[in-house]
């Protein structure tokens, strides 16, 4: 390399790539990505002269009456801020869009963005024995034998969820721990909610075949994939009833309470070992096993 100092005063940060296969956060920022999303996805899909104008509201004539229509949804943190709240935004933002078309608001449309949320004190329930799918696929693909026939837990969970919702609709989070296993799902929930999660290793249902396979291969069952299990964060006052409902369903017979959400160490998952110690259950850097689901 040359010893000549680099002049970085004229450098600029390149624009993000715009050819994206899925929607990203930048598409909601009101900039070039937002405009391209509307122009190249929504406009061709829905078409029409009204949409092509790309105004703050759609001005159209129905039954001989000229109308303007606009709807929007809002997210903001904090919900209450100096000078207003998310409620003020929801009303004023849409009313102002109408005003830019010279219209006055006569009615309000209603849209909901329902936020996934965990509160400290929630009970963590897993619907049954973990790691079966990953070990079953691995044993067949790699020709491994563990002294017992391991069957995948692959199953549709809709009926189990309906049984849980029949007890209470107040289930704060449901997640199916597939790739990355239970550990990955718990870390995602902890990071998204800003709460800590504590699990008790001795309470996590790990079948003997999975435990033996993981011991032989140096794997952690918490990171092995599942395809017919769920993890639920449930308010403590409903936990016993939800657990009973799960155990009454064929796919939840081995359901167990394995931990709780806590105020401490926000965004971090820790496990209390059977020996009384504590270890961090981190998000896996990669996959322990080659792609199996």
C-alpha atoms as a PDB file:
ATOM      1  CA  UNK A   1       0.000   0.000   0.000  1.00  0.00           C
ATOM      2  CA  UNK A   2       1.100   3.555  -0.658  1.00  0.00           C
ATOM      3  CA  UNK A   3       2.164   5.777   2.224  1.00  0.00           C
ATOM      4  CA  UNK A   4       0.161   8.632   0.683  1.00  0.00           C
ATOM      5  CA  UNK A   5      -2.645   9.687   3.007  1.00  0.00           C
ATOM      6  CA  UNK A   6      -6.133   9.069   1.665  1.00  0.00           C
ATOM      7  CA  UNK A   7      -8.322  12.127   1.104  1.00  0.00           C
ATOM      8  CA  UNK A   8     -11.760  11.067   2.320  1.00  0.00           C
ATOM      9  CA  UNK A   9     -13.362  14.524   2.341  1.00  0.00           C
ATOM     10  CA  UNK A  10     -15.095  13.904  -0.963  1.00  0.00           C
ATOM     11  CA  UNK A  11     -16.347  10.426  -0.168  1.00  0.00           C
ATOM     12  CA  UNK A  12     -20.074   9.759   0.004  1.00  0.00           C
ATOM     13  CA  UNK A  13     -22.069   6.821   1.274  1.00  0.00           C
ATOM     14  CA  UNK A  14     -23.525   4.864  -1.666  1.00  0.00           C
ATOM     15  CA  UNK A  15     -27.283   4.586  -1.990  1.00  0.00           C
ATOM     16  CA  UNK A  16     -28.730   1.269  -0.837  1.00  0.00           C
ATOM     17  CA  UNK A  17     -29.419  -1.348  -3.448  1.00  0.00           C
ATOM     18  CA  UNK A  18     -32.922  -0.846  -4.831  1.00  0.00           C
ATOM     19  CA  UNK A  19     -33.411  -4.211  -6.462  1.00  0.00           C
ATOM     20  CA  UNK A  20     -34.692  -6.039  -3.392  1.00  0.00           C
ATOM     21  CA  UNK A  21     -36.722  -9.256  -3.341  1.00  0.00           C
ATOM     22  CA  UNK A  22     -38.684  -8.214  -0.238  1.00  0.00           C
ATOM     23  CA  UNK A  23     -39.851  -5.112   1.602  1.00  0.00           C
ATOM     24  CA  UNK A  24     -37.278  -3.617   3.994  1.00  0.00           C
ATOM     25  CA  UNK A  25     -37.495  -0.842   6.583  1.00  0.00           C
ATOM     26  CA  UNK A  26     -36.223   1.715   4.073  1.00  0.00           C
ATOM     27  CA  UNK A  27     -39.390   1.298   2.010  1.00  0.00           C
ATOM     28  CA  UNK A  28     -41.298   3.019   4.802  1.00  0.00           C
ATOM     29  CA  UNK A  29     -38.955   5.992   5.082  1.00  0.00           C
ATOM     30  CA  UNK A  30     -40.710   8.260   2.599  1.00  0.00           C
ATOM     31  CA  UNK A  31     -37.702   8.484   0.277  1.00  0.00           C
ATOM     32  CA  UNK A  32     -36.684   6.923  -3.014  1.00  0.00           C
ATOM     33  CA  UNK A  33     -37.402   3.369  -1.872  1.00  0.00           C
ATOM     34  CA  UNK A  34     -40.939   4.359  -0.820  1.00  0.00           C
ATOM     35  CA  UNK A  35     -41.580   6.023  -4.169  1.00  0.00           C
ATOM     36  CA  UNK A  36     -40.267   3.043  -6.097  1.00  0.00           C
ATOM     37  CA  UNK A  37     -42.407   0.643  -4.065  1.00  0.00           C
ATOM     38  CA  UNK A  38     -45.539   2.587  -5.012  1.00  0.00           C
ATOM     39  CA  UNK A  39     -44.552   3.168  -8.624  1.00  0.00           C
ATOM     40  CA  UNK A  40     -43.278  -0.312  -9.429  1.00  0.00           C
ATOM     41  CA  UNK A  41     -45.447  -2.549  -7.232  1.00  0.00           C
ATOM     42  CA  UNK A  42     -48.723  -0.938  -6.205  1.00  0.00           C
ATOM     43  CA  UNK A  43     -49.408   1.217  -9.258  1.00  0.00           C
ATOM     44  CA  UNK A  44     -48.995  -1.633 -11.782  1.00  0.00           C
ATOM     45  CA  UNK A  45     -51.013  -3.985  -9.582  1.00  0.00           C
ATOM     46  CA  UNK A  46     -53.989  -1.686  -8.993  1.00  0.00           C
ATOM     47  CA  UNK A  47     -53.636   0.714 -11.942  1.00  0.00           C
ATOM     48  CA  UNK A  48     -56.116   3.414 -12.877  1.00  0.00           C
ATOM     49  CA  UNK A  49     -55.883   7.125 -13.529  1.00  0.00           C
ATOM     50  CA  UNK A  50     -56.664   8.042  -9.924  1.00  0.00           C
ATOM     51  CA  UNK A  51     -53.755   6.085  -8.448  1.00  0.00           C
ATOM     52  CA  UNK A  52     -51.441   7.265 -11.208  1.00  0.00           C
ATOM     53  CA  UNK A  53     -51.725  10.821  -9.852  1.00  0.00           C
ATOM     54  CA  UNK A  54     -49.944   9.707  -6.650  1.00  0.00           C
ATOM     55  CA  UNK A  55     -51.620  12.409  -4.570  1.00  0.00           C
ATOM     56  CA  UNK A  56     -52.045  12.538  -0.809  1.00  0.00           C
ATOM     57  CA  UNK A  57     -55.588  11.298  -1.317  1.00  0.00           C
ATOM     58  CA  UNK A  58     -57.603   9.781  -4.134  1.00  0.00           C
ATOM     59  CA  UNK A  59     -60.125  12.197  -5.666  1.00  0.00           C
ATOM     60  CA  UNK A  60     -62.927  10.418  -7.484  1.00  0.00           C
ATOM     61  CA  UNK A  61     -66.567  10.779  -8.418  1.00  0.00           C
ATOM     62  CA  UNK A  62     -69.128   8.298  -7.105  1.00  0.00           C
ATOM     63  CA  UNK A  63     -72.817   8.646  -7.832  1.00  0.00           C
ATOM     64  CA  UNK A  64     -72.319  12.153  -9.137  1.00  0.00           C
ATOM     65  CA  UNK A  65     -70.616  13.248  -5.913  1.00  0.00           C
ATOM     66  CA  UNK A  66     -66.926  14.195  -5.848  1.00  0.00           C
ATOM     67  CA  UNK A  67     -65.112  12.469  -2.994  1.00  0.00           C
ATOM     68  CA  UNK A  68     -61.612  12.308  -1.649  1.00  0.00           C
ATOM     69  CA  UNK A  69     -60.397   9.240   0.215  1.00  0.00           C
ATOM     70  CA  UNK A  70     -57.233   8.576   2.152  1.00  0.00           C
ATOM     71  CA  UNK A  71     -56.234   6.051   4.760  1.00  0.00           C
ATOM     72  CA  UNK A  72     -52.997   5.552   6.636  1.00  0.00           C
ATOM     73  CA  UNK A  73     -51.497   3.673   9.562  1.00  0.00           C
ATOM     74  CA  UNK A  74     -48.925   4.940  12.009  1.00  0.00           C
ATOM     75  CA  UNK A  75     -46.241   3.639  14.314  1.00  0.00           C
ATOM     76  CA  UNK A  76     -44.214   5.849  16.627  1.00  0.00           C
ATOM     77  CA  UNK A  77     -42.102   5.410  19.733  1.00  0.00           C
ATOM     78  CA  UNK A  78     -42.831   6.688  22.303  1.00  0.00           C
ATOM     79  CA  UNK A  79     -46.595   6.500  21.924  1.00  0.00           C
ATOM     80  CA  UNK A  80     -46.918   9.815  23.797  1.00  0.00           C
ATOM     81  CA  UNK A  81     -44.515  12.619  22.918  1.00  0.00           C
ATOM     82  CA  UNK A  82     -44.258  16.394  23.476  1.00  0.00           C
ATOM     83  CA  UNK A  83     -47.155  17.941  21.595  1.00  0.00           C
ATOM     84  CA  UNK A  84     -49.130  14.821  20.811  1.00  0.00           C
ATOM     85  CA  UNK A  85     -49.540  11.066  20.697  1.00  0.00           C
ATOM     86  CA  UNK A  86     -50.032   8.274  18.219  1.00  0.00           C
ATOM     87  CA  UNK A  87     -53.766   9.016  18.353  1.00  0.00           C
ATOM     88  CA  UNK A  88     -53.173  12.588  17.210  1.00  0.00           C
ATOM     89  CA  UNK A  89     -51.052  11.287  14.358  1.00  0.00           C
ATOM     90  CA  UNK A  90     -53.667   8.775  13.289  1.00  0.00           C
ATOM     91  CA  UNK A  91     -56.359  11.448  12.969  1.00  0.00           C
ATOM     92  CA  UNK A  92     -54.405  14.517  11.932  1.00  0.00           C
ATOM     93  CA  UNK A  93     -52.223  12.775   9.393  1.00  0.00           C
ATOM     94  CA  UNK A  94     -55.198  11.454   7.448  1.00  0.00           C
ATOM     95  CA  UNK A  95     -57.274  14.636   7.809  1.00  0.00           C
ATOM     96  CA  UNK A  96     -54.352  16.668   6.498  1.00  0.00           C
ATOM     97  CA  UNK A  97     -54.006  14.397   3.473  1.00  0.00           C
ATOM     98  CA  UNK A  98     -57.629  15.124   2.647  1.00  0.00           C
ATOM     99  CA  UNK A  99     -57.110  18.843   3.149  1.00  0.00           C
ATOM    100  CA  UNK A 100     -54.352  18.805   0.520  1.00  0.00           C
ATOM    101  CA  UNK A 101     -57.060  17.807  -1.962  1.00  0.00           C
ATOM    102  CA  UNK A 102     -59.323  20.618  -0.814  1.00  0.00           C
ATOM    103  CA  UNK A 103     -61.606  18.178   0.996  1.00  0.00           C
ATOM    104  CA  UNK A 104     -63.079  18.173   4.485  1.00  0.00           C
ATOM    105  CA  UNK A 105     -63.229  14.992   6.542  1.00  0.00           C
ATOM    106  CA  UNK A 106     -66.695  13.497   6.900  1.00  0.00           C
ATOM    107  CA  UNK A 107     -65.748  10.007   8.081  1.00  0.00           C
ATOM    108  CA  UNK A 108     -62.689   8.195   9.391  1.00  0.00           C
ATOM    109  CA  UNK A 109     -61.501   4.843   8.115  1.00  0.00           C
ATOM    110  CA  UNK A 110     -59.785   2.620  10.626  1.00  0.00           C
ATOM    111  CA  UNK A 111     -56.608   0.560  10.255  1.00  0.00           C
ATOM    112  CA  UNK A 112     -54.777  -1.406  12.937  1.00  0.00           C
ATOM    113  CA  UNK A 113     -51.137  -2.315  13.363  1.00  0.00           C
ATOM    114  CA  UNK A 114     -51.097  -4.830  16.195  1.00  0.00           C
ATOM    115  CA  UNK A 115     -47.758  -4.864  17.965  1.00  0.00           C
ATOM    116  CA  UNK A 116     -46.281  -8.084  19.247  1.00  0.00           C
ATOM    117  CA  UNK A 117     -45.433  -7.560  22.886  1.00  0.00           C
ATOM    118  CA  UNK A 118     -43.941  -9.310  25.908  1.00  0.00           C
ATOM    119  CA  UNK A 119     -44.189  -7.941  29.436  1.00  0.00           C
ATOM    120  CA  UNK A 120     -41.937  -8.931  32.384  1.00  0.00           C
ATOM    121  CA  UNK A 121     -43.655 -11.682  34.332  1.00  0.00           C
ATOM    122  CA  UNK A 122     -44.921 -13.536  31.267  1.00  0.00           C
ATOM    123  CA  UNK A 123     -44.580 -17.293  31.509  1.00  0.00           C
ATOM    124  CA  UNK A 124     -42.713 -19.130  28.754  1.00  0.00           C
ATOM    125  CA  UNK A 125     -44.379 -22.369  27.643  1.00  0.00           C
ATOM    126  CA  UNK A 126     -43.090 -24.837  25.063  1.00  0.00           C
ATOM    127  CA  UNK A 127     -45.602 -27.238  23.539  1.00  0.00           C
ATOM    128  CA  UNK A 128     -43.537 -30.406  23.790  1.00  0.00           C
ATOM    129  CA  UNK A 129     -40.256 -32.209  23.298  1.00  0.00           C
ATOM    130  CA  UNK A 130     -37.716 -30.265  21.276  1.00  0.00           C
ATOM    131  CA  UNK A 131     -35.118 -31.263  18.685  1.00  0.00           C
ATOM    132  CA  UNK A 132     -36.916 -34.249  17.149  1.00  0.00           C
ATOM    133  CA  UNK A 133     -37.090 -32.912  13.598  1.00  0.00           C
ATOM    134  CA  UNK A 134     -33.444 -31.950  13.389  1.00  0.00           C
ATOM    135  CA  UNK A 135     -32.201 -35.257  14.772  1.00  0.00           C
ATOM    136  CA  UNK A 136     -34.595 -37.299  12.597  1.00  0.00           C
ATOM    137  CA  UNK A 137     -33.465 -35.601   9.383  1.00  0.00           C
ATOM    138  CA  UNK A 138     -29.810 -35.774  10.364  1.00  0.00           C
ATOM    139  CA  UNK A 139     -29.947 -39.473  11.252  1.00  0.00           C
ATOM    140  CA  UNK A 140     -31.400 -40.434   7.870  1.00  0.00           C
ATOM    141  CA  UNK A 141     -29.307 -38.080   5.761  1.00  0.00           C
ATOM    142  CA  UNK A 142     -26.014 -38.867   7.449  1.00  0.00           C
ATOM    143  CA  UNK A 143     -26.732 -42.555   8.079  1.00  0.00           C
ATOM    144  CA  UNK A 144     -26.371 -42.199  11.836  1.00  0.00           C
ATOM    145  CA  UNK A 145     -27.927 -44.564  14.348  1.00  0.00           C
ATOM    146  CA  UNK A 146     -28.687 -43.615  17.922  1.00  0.00           C
ATOM    147  CA  UNK A 147     -30.149 -46.920  19.121  1.00  0.00           C
ATOM    148  CA  UNK A 148     -33.749 -45.754  18.690  1.00  0.00           C
ATOM    149  CA  UNK A 149     -35.918 -44.673  15.770  1.00  0.00           C
ATOM    150  CA  UNK A 150     -36.337 -40.882  15.961  1.00  0.00           C
ATOM    151  CA  UNK A 151     -39.453 -39.470  14.267  1.00  0.00           C
ATOM    152  CA  UNK A 152     -39.806 -35.872  13.104  1.00  0.00           C
ATOM    153  CA  UNK A 153     -42.358 -33.785  14.972  1.00  0.00           C
ATOM    154  CA  UNK A 154     -43.584 -32.195  11.710  1.00  0.00           C
ATOM    155  CA  UNK A 155     -47.228 -31.198  12.270  1.00  0.00           C
ATOM    156  CA  UNK A 156     -49.742 -28.405  11.662  1.00  0.00           C
ATOM    157  CA  UNK A 157     -50.252 -26.359  14.824  1.00  0.00           C
ATOM    158  CA  UNK A 158     -53.495 -24.557  13.986  1.00  0.00           C
ATOM    159  CA  UNK A 159     -55.668 -26.780  16.154  1.00  0.00           C
ATOM    160  CA  UNK A 160     -53.371 -26.419  19.155  1.00  0.00           C
ATOM    161  CA  UNK A 161     -53.380 -22.640  18.819  1.00  0.00           C
ATOM    162  CA  UNK A 162     -57.184 -22.619  18.618  1.00  0.00           C
ATOM    163  CA  UNK A 163     -57.321 -24.568  21.885  1.00  0.00           C
ATOM    164  CA  UNK A 164     -55.053 -22.013  23.515  1.00  0.00           C
ATOM    165  CA  UNK A 165     -57.031 -19.047  22.201  1.00  0.00           C
ATOM    166  CA  UNK A 166     -60.233 -20.626  23.509  1.00  0.00           C
ATOM    167  CA  UNK A 167     -58.792 -20.109  26.991  1.00  0.00           C
ATOM    168  CA  UNK A 168     -57.719 -16.510  26.431  1.00  0.00           C
ATOM    169  CA  UNK A 169     -56.995 -14.301  23.406  1.00  0.00           C
ATOM    170  CA  UNK A 170     -54.324 -12.597  25.516  1.00  0.00           C
ATOM    171  CA  UNK A 171     -51.400 -14.640  24.248  1.00  0.00           C
ATOM    172  CA  UNK A 172     -48.597 -12.123  23.956  1.00  0.00           C
ATOM    173  CA  UNK A 173     -46.331 -14.052  21.581  1.00  0.00           C
ATOM    174  CA  UNK A 174     -46.501 -17.321  19.674  1.00  0.00           C
ATOM    175  CA  UNK A 175     -43.492 -18.558  17.708  1.00  0.00           C
ATOM    176  CA  UNK A 176     -42.580 -21.854  16.044  1.00  0.00           C
ATOM    177  CA  UNK A 177     -38.908 -22.588  16.769  1.00  0.00           C
ATOM    178  CA  UNK A 178     -37.709 -23.962  13.428  1.00  0.00           C
ATOM    179  CA  UNK A 179     -34.194 -23.166  12.140  1.00  0.00           C
ATOM    180  CA  UNK A 180     -32.000 -22.171  15.050  1.00  0.00           C
ATOM    181  CA  UNK A 181     -34.308 -24.047  17.400  1.00  0.00           C
ATOM    182  CA  UNK A 182     -35.785 -22.818  20.645  1.00  0.00           C
ATOM    183  CA  UNK A 183     -32.715 -20.689  21.389  1.00  0.00           C
ATOM    184  CA  UNK A 184     -33.102 -18.620  18.216  1.00  0.00           C
ATOM    185  CA  UNK A 185     -36.813 -17.968  18.791  1.00  0.00           C
ATOM    186  CA  UNK A 186     -36.275 -16.897  22.403  1.00  0.00           C
ATOM    187  CA  UNK A 187     -33.489 -14.532  21.382  1.00  0.00           C
ATOM    188  CA  UNK A 188     -35.629 -12.981  18.651  1.00  0.00           C
ATOM    189  CA  UNK A 189     -38.460 -12.394  21.108  1.00  0.00           C
ATOM    190  CA  UNK A 190     -36.154 -10.964  23.784  1.00  0.00           C
ATOM    191  CA  UNK A 191     -34.537  -8.577  21.285  1.00  0.00           C
ATOM    192  CA  UNK A 192     -37.848  -7.417  19.815  1.00  0.00           C
ATOM    193  CA  UNK A 193     -39.518  -6.850  23.189  1.00  0.00           C
ATOM    194  CA  UNK A 194     -36.564  -5.422  25.097  1.00  0.00           C
ATOM    195  CA  UNK A 195     -37.084  -7.845  27.973  1.00  0.00           C
ATOM    196  CA  UNK A 196     -34.858 -10.536  29.399  1.00  0.00           C
ATOM    197  CA  UNK A 197     -35.746 -14.218  29.267  1.00  0.00           C
ATOM    198  CA  UNK A 198     -34.778 -16.835  31.836  1.00  0.00           C
ATOM    199  CA  UNK A 199     -35.277 -20.528  31.127  1.00  0.00           C
ATOM    200  CA  UNK A 200     -34.640 -23.479  33.402  1.00  0.00           C
ATOM    201  CA  UNK A 201     -32.750 -26.190  31.544  1.00  0.00           C
ATOM    202  CA  UNK A 202     -34.143 -28.957  33.706  1.00  0.00           C
ATOM    203  CA  UNK A 203     -37.689 -28.032  32.694  1.00  0.00           C
ATOM    204  CA  UNK A 204     -37.088 -28.051  28.937  1.00  0.00           C
ATOM    205  CA  UNK A 205     -38.509 -31.322  27.561  1.00  0.00           C
ATOM    206  CA  UNK A 206     -35.677 -32.993  25.637  1.00  0.00           C
ATOM    207  CA  UNK A 207     -36.330 -36.629  24.653  1.00  0.00           C
ATOM    208  CA  UNK A 208     -33.587 -39.099  25.520  1.00  0.00           C
ATOM    209  CA  UNK A 209     -32.824 -39.855  21.861  1.00  0.00           C
ATOM    210  CA  UNK A 210     -32.244 -36.170  21.111  1.00  0.00           C
ATOM    211  CA  UNK A 211     -30.149 -35.687  24.249  1.00  0.00           C
ATOM    212  CA  UNK A 212     -27.998 -38.722  23.373  1.00  0.00           C
ATOM    213  CA  UNK A 213     -27.544 -37.658  19.755  1.00  0.00           C
ATOM    214  CA  UNK A 214     -26.561 -34.143  20.790  1.00  0.00           C
ATOM    215  CA  UNK A 215     -24.128 -35.502  23.392  1.00  0.00           C
ATOM    216  CA  UNK A 216     -22.437 -37.690  20.765  1.00  0.00           C
ATOM    217  CA  UNK A 217     -22.220 -34.894  18.183  1.00  0.00           C
ATOM    218  CA  UNK A 218     -21.425 -32.032  20.556  1.00  0.00           C
ATOM    219  CA  UNK A 219     -24.664 -30.174  19.835  1.00  0.00           C
ATOM    220  CA  UNK A 220     -26.985 -28.196  22.092  1.00  0.00           C
ATOM    221  CA  UNK A 221     -30.640 -29.372  21.880  1.00  0.00           C
ATOM    222  CA  UNK A 222     -31.799 -25.766  22.304  1.00  0.00           C
ATOM    223  CA  UNK A 223     -30.432 -24.995  18.825  1.00  0.00           C
ATOM    224  CA  UNK A 224     -31.826 -28.053  17.001  1.00  0.00           C
ATOM    225  CA  UNK A 225     -34.717 -27.422  14.610  1.00  0.00           C
ATOM    226  CA  UNK A 226     -38.356 -28.273  15.264  1.00  0.00           C
ATOM    227  CA  UNK A 227     -41.275 -28.426  12.835  1.00  0.00           C
ATOM    228  CA  UNK A 228     -44.236 -29.172  15.080  1.00  0.00           C
ATOM    229  CA  UNK A 229     -43.620 -27.216  18.258  1.00  0.00           C
ATOM    230  CA  UNK A 230     -44.422 -23.732  19.459  1.00  0.00           C
ATOM    231  CA  UNK A 231     -43.224 -21.465  22.223  1.00  0.00           C
ATOM    232  CA  UNK A 232     -45.729 -19.116  23.872  1.00  0.00           C
ATOM    233  CA  UNK A 233     -45.342 -16.091  26.142  1.00  0.00           C
ATOM    234  CA  UNK A 234     -48.472 -16.047  28.288  1.00  0.00           C
ATOM    235  CA  UNK A 235     -49.604 -13.713  31.092  1.00  0.00           C
ATOM    236  CA  UNK A 236     -48.943 -15.435  34.382  1.00  0.00           C
ATOM    237  CA  UNK A 237     -52.592 -15.319  35.421  1.00  0.00           C
ATOM    238  CA  UNK A 238     -53.584 -17.408  32.390  1.00  0.00           C
ATOM    239  CA  UNK A 239     -50.596 -19.745  32.310  1.00  0.00           C
ATOM    240  CA  UNK A 240     -52.112 -22.693  34.198  1.00  0.00           C
ATOM    241  CA  UNK A 241     -55.309 -22.691  32.142  1.00  0.00           C
ATOM    242  CA  UNK A 242     -53.407 -22.375  28.857  1.00  0.00           C
ATOM    243  CA  UNK A 243     -51.049 -25.182  29.884  1.00  0.00           C
ATOM    244  CA  UNK A 244     -54.008 -27.446  30.728  1.00  0.00           C
ATOM    245  CA  UNK A 245     -55.605 -26.715  27.353  1.00  0.00           C
ATOM    246  CA  UNK A 246     -52.354 -27.495  25.556  1.00  0.00           C
ATOM    247  CA  UNK A 247     -51.891 -30.792  27.381  1.00  0.00           C
ATOM    248  CA  UNK A 248     -55.458 -31.788  26.460  1.00  0.00           C
ATOM    249  CA  UNK A 249     -54.545 -31.482  22.765  1.00  0.00           C
ATOM    250  CA  UNK A 250     -52.617 -34.297  21.013  1.00  0.00           C
ATOM    251  CA  UNK A 251     -49.867 -31.901  19.917  1.00  0.00           C
ATOM    252  CA  UNK A 252     -49.402 -30.411  23.376  1.00  0.00           C
ATOM    253  CA  UNK A 253     -49.397 -33.418  25.696  1.00  0.00           C
ATOM    254  CA  UNK A 254     -45.798 -32.787  26.768  1.00  0.00           C
ATOM    255  CA  UNK A 255     -46.204 -29.012  27.080  1.00  0.00           C
ATOM    256  CA  UNK A 256     -44.177 -27.469  29.891  1.00  0.00           C
ATOM    257  CA  UNK A 257     -43.481 -24.155  31.542  1.00  0.00           C
ATOM    258  CA  UNK A 258     -39.777 -23.559  30.980  1.00  0.00           C
ATOM    259  CA  UNK A 259     -39.167 -19.980  32.107  1.00  0.00           C
ATOM    260  CA  UNK A 260     -40.310 -16.392  32.328  1.00  0.00           C
ATOM    261  CA  UNK A 261     -39.751 -12.899  30.952  1.00  0.00           C
ATOM    262  CA  UNK A 262     -37.854 -10.607  33.338  1.00  0.00           C
ATOM    263  CA  UNK A 263     -36.810  -6.984  33.762  1.00  0.00           C
ATOM    264  CA  UNK A 264     -33.155  -7.924  34.140  1.00  0.00           C
ATOM    265  CA  UNK A 265     -30.700  -8.221  31.218  1.00  0.00           C
ATOM    266  CA  UNK A 266     -33.074  -6.855  28.524  1.00  0.00           C
ATOM    267  CA  UNK A 267     -32.658  -8.520  25.146  1.00  0.00           C
ATOM    268  CA  UNK A 268     -30.685 -11.410  26.629  1.00  0.00           C
ATOM    269  CA  UNK A 269     -31.663 -15.054  27.148  1.00  0.00           C
ATOM    270  CA  UNK A 270     -30.050 -16.962  30.004  1.00  0.00           C
ATOM    271  CA  UNK A 271     -30.446 -20.539  31.169  1.00  0.00           C
ATOM    272  CA  UNK A 272     -30.267 -21.740  34.735  1.00  0.00           C
ATOM    273  CA  UNK A 273     -28.513 -25.083  34.699  1.00  0.00           C
ATOM    274  CA  UNK A 274     -29.403 -28.146  36.724  1.00  0.00           C
ATOM    275  CA  UNK A 275     -26.213 -27.577  38.723  1.00  0.00           C
ATOM    276  CA  UNK A 276     -27.369 -24.136  39.831  1.00  0.00           C
ATOM    277  CA  UNK A 277     -25.235 -22.087  37.459  1.00  0.00           C
ATOM    278  CA  UNK A 278     -26.303 -19.642  34.776  1.00  0.00           C
ATOM    279  CA  UNK A 279     -25.224 -19.454  31.149  1.00  0.00           C
ATOM    280  CA  UNK A 280     -26.049 -17.141  28.284  1.00  0.00           C
ATOM    281  CA  UNK A 281     -28.099 -18.711  25.488  1.00  0.00           C
ATOM    282  CA  UNK A 282     -26.932 -16.590  22.582  1.00  0.00           C
ATOM    283  CA  UNK A 283     -28.308 -16.274  19.085  1.00  0.00           C
ATOM    284  CA  UNK A 284     -26.463 -18.799  16.914  1.00  0.00           C
ATOM    285  CA  UNK A 285     -23.908 -17.313  14.531  1.00  0.00           C
ATOM    286  CA  UNK A 286     -24.723 -19.964  11.949  1.00  0.00           C
ATOM    287  CA  UNK A 287     -26.533 -23.267  11.868  1.00  0.00           C
ATOM    288  CA  UNK A 288     -25.238 -26.175  13.938  1.00  0.00           C
ATOM    289  CA  UNK A 289     -26.489 -28.499  11.229  1.00  0.00           C
ATOM    290  CA  UNK A 290     -26.722 -28.195   7.435  1.00  0.00           C
ATOM    291  CA  UNK A 291     -30.049 -26.850   6.169  1.00  0.00           C
ATOM    292  CA  UNK A 292     -32.818 -29.214   7.272  1.00  0.00           C
ATOM    293  CA  UNK A 293     -35.988 -27.166   7.003  1.00  0.00           C
END
